[in-house]
Amino acid sequence: MWVFDAAPLIYLAKVDQLTLISALDDSCVIPDQVYTEVVETGIEEGYPDARRIEQRVENNILTVHSVDDTALFDRLCRNPKLSDADCAVLAYAFEHDGIAVMDET
């Protein structure tokens, strides 16, 4: 399973390369926090790449999952360098044996 953070999705959408996600052999997930940040906020602010990502969700290429408020999520959120979306990606990937796709160091 691939768990996507906001920046990689935005970059792929901006260069119209979200089809690369379809080529992955495993399921592709975005946590609720990422969906809110990328799609809902992006559409409100008029970003065309947000619509491209929304279409991938509607076509079941990307699935949106909620991240439970776990001890790991809470611990990650104490790091001031990580956003809630970053924490959700890391926690979901860890809890489901997935691969986190992020741009953070």
Protein backbone atom coordinates (compact mmCIF):
# COMPACT_ATOMS: atom_id res chain seq x y z
CA MET A 1 0.00 0.00 0.00
CA TRP A 2 1.15 3.52 -0.88
CA VAL A 3 0.14 6.33 1.48
CA PHE A 4 0.43 9.76 -0.12
CA ASP A 5 1.14 13.08 1.52
CA ALA A 6 0.02 16.38 -0.02
CA ALA A 7 3.16 17.58 -1.81
CA PRO A 8 3.77 14.52 -4.02
CA LEU A 9 0.12 14.54 -5.10
CA ILE A 10 0.19 18.25 -5.83
CA TYR A 11 3.42 17.98 -7.84
CA LEU A 12 2.10 15.06 -9.89
CA ALA A 13 -1.19 16.88 -10.51
CA LYS A 14 0.53 20.12 -11.55
CA VAL A 15 2.50 18.32 -14.26
CA ASP A 16 -0.56 16.22 -15.19
CA GLN A 17 1.16 12.95 -14.25
CA LEU A 18 -1.32 11.44 -11.77
CA THR A 19 -1.63 8.52 -14.18
CA LEU A 20 1.65 7.29 -12.68
CA ILE A 21 -0.31 6.39 -9.53
CA SER A 22 -2.53 4.08 -11.59
CA ALA A 23 0.56 2.11 -12.60
CA LEU A 24 1.39 1.18 -9.00
CA ASP A 25 0.73 -2.46 -8.15
CA ASP A 26 -0.82 -1.81 -4.75
CA SER A 27 -3.62 0.32 -3.33
CA CYS A 28 -3.07 4.07 -3.03
CA VAL A 29 -4.38 5.86 0.04
CA ILE A 30 -4.64 9.43 1.24
CA PRO A 31 -5.57 10.18 4.85
CA ASP A 32 -8.53 12.48 5.55
CA GLN A 33 -6.15 15.23 6.64
CA VAL A 34 -4.38 15.13 3.27
CA TYR A 35 -7.68 15.10 1.36
CA THR A 36 -8.87 18.16 3.28
CA GLU A 37 -5.60 20.00 2.68
CA VAL A 38 -5.18 19.11 -0.98
CA VAL A 39 -8.68 18.76 -2.39
CA GLU A 40 -11.12 20.70 -0.23
CA THR A 41 -8.83 23.65 0.50
CA GLY A 42 -7.33 23.47 -3.00
CA ILE A 43 -10.75 23.69 -4.66
CA GLU A 44 -11.77 26.57 -2.37
CA GLU A 45 -8.62 28.42 -3.43
CA GLY A 46 -9.17 27.67 -7.13
CA TYR A 47 -6.27 25.29 -7.82
CA PRO A 48 -6.94 23.14 -10.93
CA ASP A 49 -4.64 20.40 -9.61
CA ALA A 50 -7.08 19.91 -6.70
CA ARG A 51 -9.80 18.92 -9.18
CA ARG A 52 -7.45 16.43 -10.83
CA ILE A 53 -6.80 14.75 -7.48
CA GLU A 54 -10.51 14.80 -6.64
CA GLN A 55 -11.22 12.97 -9.92
CA ARG A 56 -8.75 10.22 -8.94
CA VAL A 57 -10.61 9.80 -5.67
CA GLU A 58 -13.97 9.68 -7.48
CA ASN A 59 -12.55 7.06 -9.87
CA ASN A 60 -11.28 4.96 -6.92
CA ILE A 61 -7.64 5.28 -7.96
CA LEU A 62 -6.98 6.99 -4.63
CA THR A 63 -8.97 6.03 -1.55
CA VAL A 64 -9.48 8.32 1.41
CA HIS A 65 -9.14 6.78 4.87
CA SER A 66 -9.51 8.21 8.31
CA VAL A 67 -6.59 7.96 10.67
CA ASP A 68 -7.49 6.88 14.17
CA ASP A 69 -6.24 8.97 17.03
CA THR A 70 -3.61 6.50 18.16
CA ALA A 71 -0.66 6.82 20.51
CA LEU A 72 1.67 6.89 17.49
CA PHE A 73 -0.31 9.66 15.78
CA ASP A 74 -0.35 11.68 19.01
CA ARG A 75 3.38 11.19 19.53
CA LEU A 76 4.17 12.22 15.94
CA CYS A 77 2.01 15.34 16.29
CA ARG A 78 4.20 16.54 19.15
CA ASN A 79 6.94 17.17 16.58
CA PRO A 80 6.55 20.84 15.56
CA LYS A 81 8.14 20.14 12.16
CA LEU A 82 5.30 17.81 11.13
CA SER A 83 1.81 18.89 10.11
CA ASP A 84 -1.26 16.86 11.08
CA ALA A 85 -1.31 15.54 7.52
CA ASP A 86 2.33 14.41 7.78
CA CYS A 87 1.55 12.64 11.05
CA ALA A 88 -1.49 10.97 9.53
CA VAL A 89 0.53 9.66 6.56
CA LEU A 90 3.28 8.28 8.76
CA ALA A 91 0.88 6.73 11.28
CA TYR A 92 -1.34 5.15 8.61
CA ALA A 93 1.62 3.76 6.68
CA PHE A 94 3.12 2.30 9.85
CA GLU A 95 -0.14 0.81 11.11
CA HIS A 96 -0.98 -0.78 7.74
CA ASP A 97 2.52 -1.82 6.66
CA GLY A 98 2.46 0.73 3.86
CA ILE A 99 4.94 2.99 2.17
CA ALA A 100 4.71 6.70 3.01
CA VAL A 101 5.18 8.91 -0.06
CA MET A 102 6.38 12.25 1.27
CA ASP A 103 8.83 15.05 0.60
CA GLU A 104 9.91 15.69 4.21
CA THR A 105 13.43 14.82 5.26
